[in-house]
């Protein structure tokens, strides 16, 4: 059994708890989730099942690098809790500037670079989030440009080309 005497419960769900605690094996304070079924709150502190703790400490020692994309823009607006990225895209031969709102908490890196064909600012964001907003960007753009068109004249997903991203999930851009 691993016991933590001084810990803080940051968040609690029906099945798990997020705790903040100093971990002696790492020599630093960290936050991590634990299953409630493998923990027990006692007077001495929080007890964690031995096997669960051994697995968790290995995860904490070798954190997984989150897969990210780089989004390049010429302009962006900094809002209170997010960034509004002004992207560049084409829909067949029509140039357009869709927006993407990215929470500040998800921006892994932000910087200014020498202006190039992609843009002069870069944002590093998680791939999972990019895939989520990319789908919305495409559907909003298609909806806007297709609103007054006949069915056979409407643009499709494969007509949309985004110019700002270094790595994308191409399956999202395929015509379904």
C-alpha atoms as a PDB file:
ATOM      1  CA  UNK A   1       0.000   0.000   0.000  1.00  0.00           C
ATOM      2  CA  UNK A   2       1.112   3.533  -0.802  1.00  0.00           C
ATOM      3  CA  UNK A   3      -0.157   6.184   1.620  1.00  0.00           C
ATOM      4  CA  UNK A   4      -0.220   9.940   1.063  1.00  0.00           C
ATOM      5  CA  UNK A   5      -0.678  11.964   4.236  1.00  0.00           C
ATOM      6  CA  UNK A   6      -0.824  15.422   2.647  1.00  0.00           C
ATOM      7  CA  UNK A   7      -2.837  15.558  -0.545  1.00  0.00           C
ATOM      8  CA  UNK A   8      -5.526  17.689  -2.157  1.00  0.00           C
ATOM      9  CA  UNK A   9      -8.519  16.360  -4.030  1.00  0.00           C
ATOM     10  CA  UNK A  10      -8.761  18.618  -7.072  1.00  0.00           C
ATOM     11  CA  UNK A  11     -11.772  16.935  -8.668  1.00  0.00           C
ATOM     12  CA  UNK A  12     -13.935  13.947  -7.933  1.00  0.00           C
ATOM     13  CA  UNK A  13     -16.221  11.911 -10.193  1.00  0.00           C
ATOM     14  CA  UNK A  14     -18.337   8.868  -9.540  1.00  0.00           C
ATOM     15  CA  UNK A  15     -15.459   6.551 -10.466  1.00  0.00           C
ATOM     16  CA  UNK A  16     -12.217   8.488  -9.965  1.00  0.00           C
ATOM     17  CA  UNK A  17     -10.421  11.252  -8.081  1.00  0.00           C
ATOM     18  CA  UNK A  18      -7.905  13.790  -9.316  1.00  0.00           C
ATOM     19  CA  UNK A  19      -5.353  14.445  -6.600  1.00  0.00           C
ATOM     20  CA  UNK A  20      -2.489  16.893  -6.195  1.00  0.00           C
ATOM     21  CA  UNK A  21       0.337  15.551  -4.045  1.00  0.00           C
ATOM     22  CA  UNK A  22       4.097  15.628  -3.551  1.00  0.00           C
ATOM     23  CA  UNK A  23       5.480  12.350  -4.934  1.00  0.00           C
ATOM     24  CA  UNK A  24       8.790  11.481  -3.268  1.00  0.00           C
ATOM     25  CA  UNK A  25       9.806   9.137  -6.103  1.00  0.00           C
ATOM     26  CA  UNK A  26       9.619  12.065  -8.533  1.00  0.00           C
ATOM     27  CA  UNK A  27      10.705  14.728  -6.027  1.00  0.00           C
ATOM     28  CA  UNK A  28       7.925  17.067  -7.147  1.00  0.00           C
ATOM     29  CA  UNK A  29       4.248  17.852  -6.746  1.00  0.00           C
ATOM     30  CA  UNK A  30       2.009  16.370  -9.447  1.00  0.00           C
ATOM     31  CA  UNK A  31      -1.662  15.968 -10.315  1.00  0.00           C
ATOM     32  CA  UNK A  32      -3.047  12.635 -11.454  1.00  0.00           C
ATOM     33  CA  UNK A  33      -6.217  10.566 -11.592  1.00  0.00           C
ATOM     34  CA  UNK A  34      -6.811   7.436  -9.531  1.00  0.00           C
ATOM     35  CA  UNK A  35      -9.728   4.996  -9.644  1.00  0.00           C
ATOM     36  CA  UNK A  36     -11.831   5.221  -6.479  1.00  0.00           C
ATOM     37  CA  UNK A  37     -12.052   1.428  -6.365  1.00  0.00           C
ATOM     38  CA  UNK A  38      -8.281   1.232  -5.786  1.00  0.00           C
ATOM     39  CA  UNK A  39      -8.048   3.987  -3.137  1.00  0.00           C
ATOM     40  CA  UNK A  40      -9.276   4.388   0.401  1.00  0.00           C
ATOM     41  CA  UNK A  41      -9.521   7.556   2.507  1.00  0.00           C
ATOM     42  CA  UNK A  42      -8.351   6.902   6.075  1.00  0.00           C
ATOM     43  CA  UNK A  43      -7.341   9.003   9.071  1.00  0.00           C
ATOM     44  CA  UNK A  44      -3.661   8.492   8.163  1.00  0.00           C
ATOM     45  CA  UNK A  45      -4.247   9.711   4.605  1.00  0.00           C
ATOM     46  CA  UNK A  46      -5.106   8.327   1.193  1.00  0.00           C
ATOM     47  CA  UNK A  47      -4.179   4.668   0.673  1.00  0.00           C
ATOM     48  CA  UNK A  48      -3.573   3.357  -2.836  1.00  0.00           C
ATOM     49  CA  UNK A  49      -3.473  -0.298  -3.839  1.00  0.00           C
ATOM     50  CA  UNK A  50       0.157  -1.414  -4.426  1.00  0.00           C
ATOM     51  CA  UNK A  51      -0.324  -2.663  -7.989  1.00  0.00           C
ATOM     52  CA  UNK A  52      -2.245   0.492  -8.945  1.00  0.00           C
ATOM     53  CA  UNK A  53       0.490   2.691  -7.479  1.00  0.00           C
ATOM     54  CA  UNK A  54       3.281   0.828  -9.291  1.00  0.00           C
ATOM     55  CA  UNK A  55       1.452   1.294 -12.598  1.00  0.00           C
ATOM     56  CA  UNK A  56       0.723   4.975 -11.871  1.00  0.00           C
ATOM     57  CA  UNK A  57       4.304   5.827 -10.853  1.00  0.00           C
ATOM     58  CA  UNK A  58       5.598   4.302 -14.102  1.00  0.00           C
ATOM     59  CA  UNK A  59       3.132   6.462 -16.064  1.00  0.00           C
ATOM     60  CA  UNK A  60       4.271   9.540 -14.161  1.00  0.00           C
ATOM     61  CA  UNK A  61       7.958   8.778 -14.709  1.00  0.00           C
ATOM     62  CA  UNK A  62       7.526   8.434 -18.470  1.00  0.00           C
ATOM     63  CA  UNK A  63       4.734  10.781 -19.520  1.00  0.00           C
ATOM     64  CA  UNK A  64       3.318  10.261 -23.000  1.00  0.00           C
ATOM     65  CA  UNK A  65       4.153  13.027 -25.451  1.00  0.00           C
ATOM     66  CA  UNK A  66       0.887  14.340 -26.783  1.00  0.00           C
ATOM     67  CA  UNK A  67       0.645  14.358 -30.572  1.00  0.00           C
ATOM     68  CA  UNK A  68       0.316  17.951 -31.781  1.00  0.00           C
ATOM     69  CA  UNK A  69      -0.098  20.030 -34.921  1.00  0.00           C
ATOM     70  CA  UNK A  70       1.406  23.388 -35.804  1.00  0.00           C
ATOM     71  CA  UNK A  71      -1.052  25.980 -37.079  1.00  0.00           C
ATOM     72  CA  UNK A  72       0.492  28.980 -38.851  1.00  0.00           C
ATOM     73  CA  UNK A  73      -1.381  32.285 -39.136  1.00  0.00           C
ATOM     74  CA  UNK A  74      -0.710  35.856 -40.188  1.00  0.00           C
ATOM     75  CA  UNK A  75      -3.199  37.241 -37.682  1.00  0.00           C
ATOM     76  CA  UNK A  76      -4.861  36.175 -34.477  1.00  0.00           C
ATOM     77  CA  UNK A  77      -6.853  37.832 -31.703  1.00  0.00           C
ATOM     78  CA  UNK A  78      -6.106  37.154 -28.065  1.00  0.00           C
ATOM     79  CA  UNK A  79      -9.330  36.925 -26.101  1.00  0.00           C
ATOM     80  CA  UNK A  80      -9.798  36.440 -22.366  1.00  0.00           C
ATOM     81  CA  UNK A  81      -9.696  32.627 -22.364  1.00  0.00           C
ATOM     82  CA  UNK A  82      -8.881  31.715 -25.951  1.00  0.00           C
ATOM     83  CA  UNK A  83      -7.167  32.681 -29.171  1.00  0.00           C
ATOM     84  CA  UNK A  84      -9.113  33.388 -32.355  1.00  0.00           C
ATOM     85  CA  UNK A  85      -6.921  32.102 -35.183  1.00  0.00           C
ATOM     86  CA  UNK A  86      -7.621  33.574 -38.605  1.00  0.00           C
ATOM     87  CA  UNK A  87      -6.873  30.812 -41.074  1.00  0.00           C
ATOM     88  CA  UNK A  88      -6.496  30.803 -44.852  1.00  0.00           C
ATOM     89  CA  UNK A  89      -8.295  28.286 -47.020  1.00  0.00           C
ATOM     90  CA  UNK A  90      -9.622  27.813 -50.536  1.00  0.00           C
ATOM     91  CA  UNK A  91     -12.884  26.314 -51.626  1.00  0.00           C
ATOM     92  CA  UNK A  92     -12.159  25.382 -55.229  1.00  0.00           C
ATOM     93  CA  UNK A  93     -11.044  28.850 -56.480  1.00  0.00           C
ATOM     94  CA  UNK A  94     -12.593  30.932 -53.677  1.00  0.00           C
ATOM     95  CA  UNK A  95     -10.202  32.262 -51.025  1.00  0.00           C
ATOM     96  CA  UNK A  96     -11.680  32.369 -47.540  1.00  0.00           C
ATOM     97  CA  UNK A  97     -10.548  33.072 -43.962  1.00  0.00           C
ATOM     98  CA  UNK A  98     -12.302  30.766 -41.514  1.00  0.00           C
ATOM     99  CA  UNK A  99     -11.709  31.189 -37.778  1.00  0.00           C
ATOM    100  CA  UNK A 100     -10.691  28.697 -35.152  1.00  0.00           C
ATOM    101  CA  UNK A 101     -11.110  29.362 -31.452  1.00  0.00           C
ATOM    102  CA  UNK A 102      -8.464  27.621 -29.339  1.00  0.00           C
ATOM    103  CA  UNK A 103      -8.600  27.723 -25.525  1.00  0.00           C
ATOM    104  CA  UNK A 104      -5.416  29.179 -24.057  1.00  0.00           C
ATOM    105  CA  UNK A 105      -5.062  26.113 -21.828  1.00  0.00           C
ATOM    106  CA  UNK A 106      -4.620  23.907 -24.923  1.00  0.00           C
ATOM    107  CA  UNK A 107      -1.914  25.991 -26.609  1.00  0.00           C
ATOM    108  CA  UNK A 108       1.332  24.082 -25.999  1.00  0.00           C
ATOM    109  CA  UNK A 109       3.532  26.667 -27.683  1.00  0.00           C
ATOM    110  CA  UNK A 110       3.056  30.006 -29.399  1.00  0.00           C
ATOM    111  CA  UNK A 111       5.639  32.073 -31.171  1.00  0.00           C
ATOM    112  CA  UNK A 112       6.513  34.492 -33.899  1.00  0.00           C
ATOM    113  CA  UNK A 113       8.590  33.340 -36.832  1.00  0.00           C
ATOM    114  CA  UNK A 114      10.094  34.986 -39.852  1.00  0.00           C
ATOM    115  CA  UNK A 115       7.192  35.571 -42.204  1.00  0.00           C
ATOM    116  CA  UNK A 116       6.865  32.776 -44.735  1.00  0.00           C
ATOM    117  CA  UNK A 117       4.179  31.373 -47.012  1.00  0.00           C
ATOM    118  CA  UNK A 118       2.358  29.789 -44.078  1.00  0.00           C
ATOM    119  CA  UNK A 119       2.156  32.777 -41.728  1.00  0.00           C
ATOM    120  CA  UNK A 120       4.193  34.686 -39.194  1.00  0.00           C
ATOM    121  CA  UNK A 121       2.825  33.176 -35.956  1.00  0.00           C
ATOM    122  CA  UNK A 122       2.622  29.534 -34.972  1.00  0.00           C
ATOM    123  CA  UNK A 123       0.422  27.740 -32.453  1.00  0.00           C
ATOM    124  CA  UNK A 124       1.171  24.223 -31.291  1.00  0.00           C
ATOM    125  CA  UNK A 125      -2.062  22.492 -30.277  1.00  0.00           C
ATOM    126  CA  UNK A 126      -3.083  18.889 -29.520  1.00  0.00           C
ATOM    127  CA  UNK A 127      -4.013  16.791 -32.537  1.00  0.00           C
ATOM    128  CA  UNK A 128      -7.240  15.539 -30.915  1.00  0.00           C
ATOM    129  CA  UNK A 129      -8.460  19.120 -30.478  1.00  0.00           C
ATOM    130  CA  UNK A 130      -7.415  20.109 -33.999  1.00  0.00           C
ATOM    131  CA  UNK A 131      -9.345  17.188 -35.491  1.00  0.00           C
ATOM    132  CA  UNK A 132     -12.420  18.291 -33.557  1.00  0.00           C
ATOM    133  CA  UNK A 133     -12.307  21.935 -34.679  1.00  0.00           C
ATOM    134  CA  UNK A 134     -11.246  21.096 -38.235  1.00  0.00           C
ATOM    135  CA  UNK A 135     -14.496  19.208 -38.757  1.00  0.00           C
ATOM    136  CA  UNK A 136     -16.436  22.263 -37.522  1.00  0.00           C
ATOM    137  CA  UNK A 137     -14.426  24.676 -39.698  1.00  0.00           C
ATOM    138  CA  UNK A 138     -15.133  22.597 -42.798  1.00  0.00           C
ATOM    139  CA  UNK A 139     -18.836  22.133 -42.067  1.00  0.00           C
ATOM    140  CA  UNK A 140     -19.360  25.847 -41.226  1.00  0.00           C
ATOM    141  CA  UNK A 141     -17.527  26.934 -44.399  1.00  0.00           C
ATOM    142  CA  UNK A 142     -19.498  24.523 -46.585  1.00  0.00           C
ATOM    143  CA  UNK A 143     -22.773  25.545 -44.964  1.00  0.00           C
ATOM    144  CA  UNK A 144     -22.053  29.230 -45.597  1.00  0.00           C
ATOM    145  CA  UNK A 145     -21.001  28.840 -49.235  1.00  0.00           C
ATOM    146  CA  UNK A 146     -23.681  26.253 -50.076  1.00  0.00           C
ATOM    147  CA  UNK A 147     -26.700  28.040 -48.603  1.00  0.00           C
ATOM    148  CA  UNK A 148     -28.038  29.377 -51.928  1.00  0.00           C
ATOM    149  CA  UNK A 149     -26.787  26.665 -54.281  1.00  0.00           C
ATOM    150  CA  UNK A 150     -28.616  23.863 -56.009  1.00  0.00           C
ATOM    151  CA  UNK A 151     -27.681  20.366 -54.823  1.00  0.00           C
ATOM    152  CA  UNK A 152     -25.515  19.545 -57.868  1.00  0.00           C
ATOM    153  CA  UNK A 153     -23.604  22.865 -57.539  1.00  0.00           C
ATOM    154  CA  UNK A 154     -22.789  22.520 -53.839  1.00  0.00           C
ATOM    155  CA  UNK A 155     -19.210  22.350 -52.612  1.00  0.00           C
ATOM    156  CA  UNK A 156     -18.035  19.154 -50.931  1.00  0.00           C
ATOM    157  CA  UNK A 157     -15.421  18.402 -48.275  1.00  0.00           C
ATOM    158  CA  UNK A 158     -12.772  17.526 -50.849  1.00  0.00           C
ATOM    159  CA  UNK A 159     -13.179  21.029 -52.387  1.00  0.00           C
ATOM    160  CA  UNK A 160     -11.897  22.548 -49.124  1.00  0.00           C
ATOM    161  CA  UNK A 161      -8.139  23.113 -48.731  1.00  0.00           C
ATOM    162  CA  UNK A 162      -6.622  24.585 -45.583  1.00  0.00           C
ATOM    163  CA  UNK A 163      -3.198  26.225 -45.945  1.00  0.00           C
ATOM    164  CA  UNK A 164      -2.098  26.750 -42.337  1.00  0.00           C
ATOM    165  CA  UNK A 165      -1.382  23.346 -40.850  1.00  0.00           C
ATOM    166  CA  UNK A 166       1.786  21.285 -40.787  1.00  0.00           C
ATOM    167  CA  UNK A 167       0.123  18.003 -39.853  1.00  0.00           C
ATOM    168  CA  UNK A 168      -3.543  17.111 -40.385  1.00  0.00           C
ATOM    169  CA  UNK A 169      -5.645  14.018 -40.262  1.00  0.00           C
ATOM    170  CA  UNK A 170      -6.463  13.595 -43.935  1.00  0.00           C
ATOM    171  CA  UNK A 171      -9.435  11.305 -43.325  1.00  0.00           C
ATOM    172  CA  UNK A 172     -11.388  14.376 -42.177  1.00  0.00           C
ATOM    173  CA  UNK A 173     -10.844  16.026 -45.526  1.00  0.00           C
ATOM    174  CA  UNK A 174     -12.076  13.111 -47.609  1.00  0.00           C
ATOM    175  CA  UNK A 175     -15.474  13.378 -49.177  1.00  0.00           C
ATOM    176  CA  UNK A 176     -17.789  11.075 -47.244  1.00  0.00           C
END
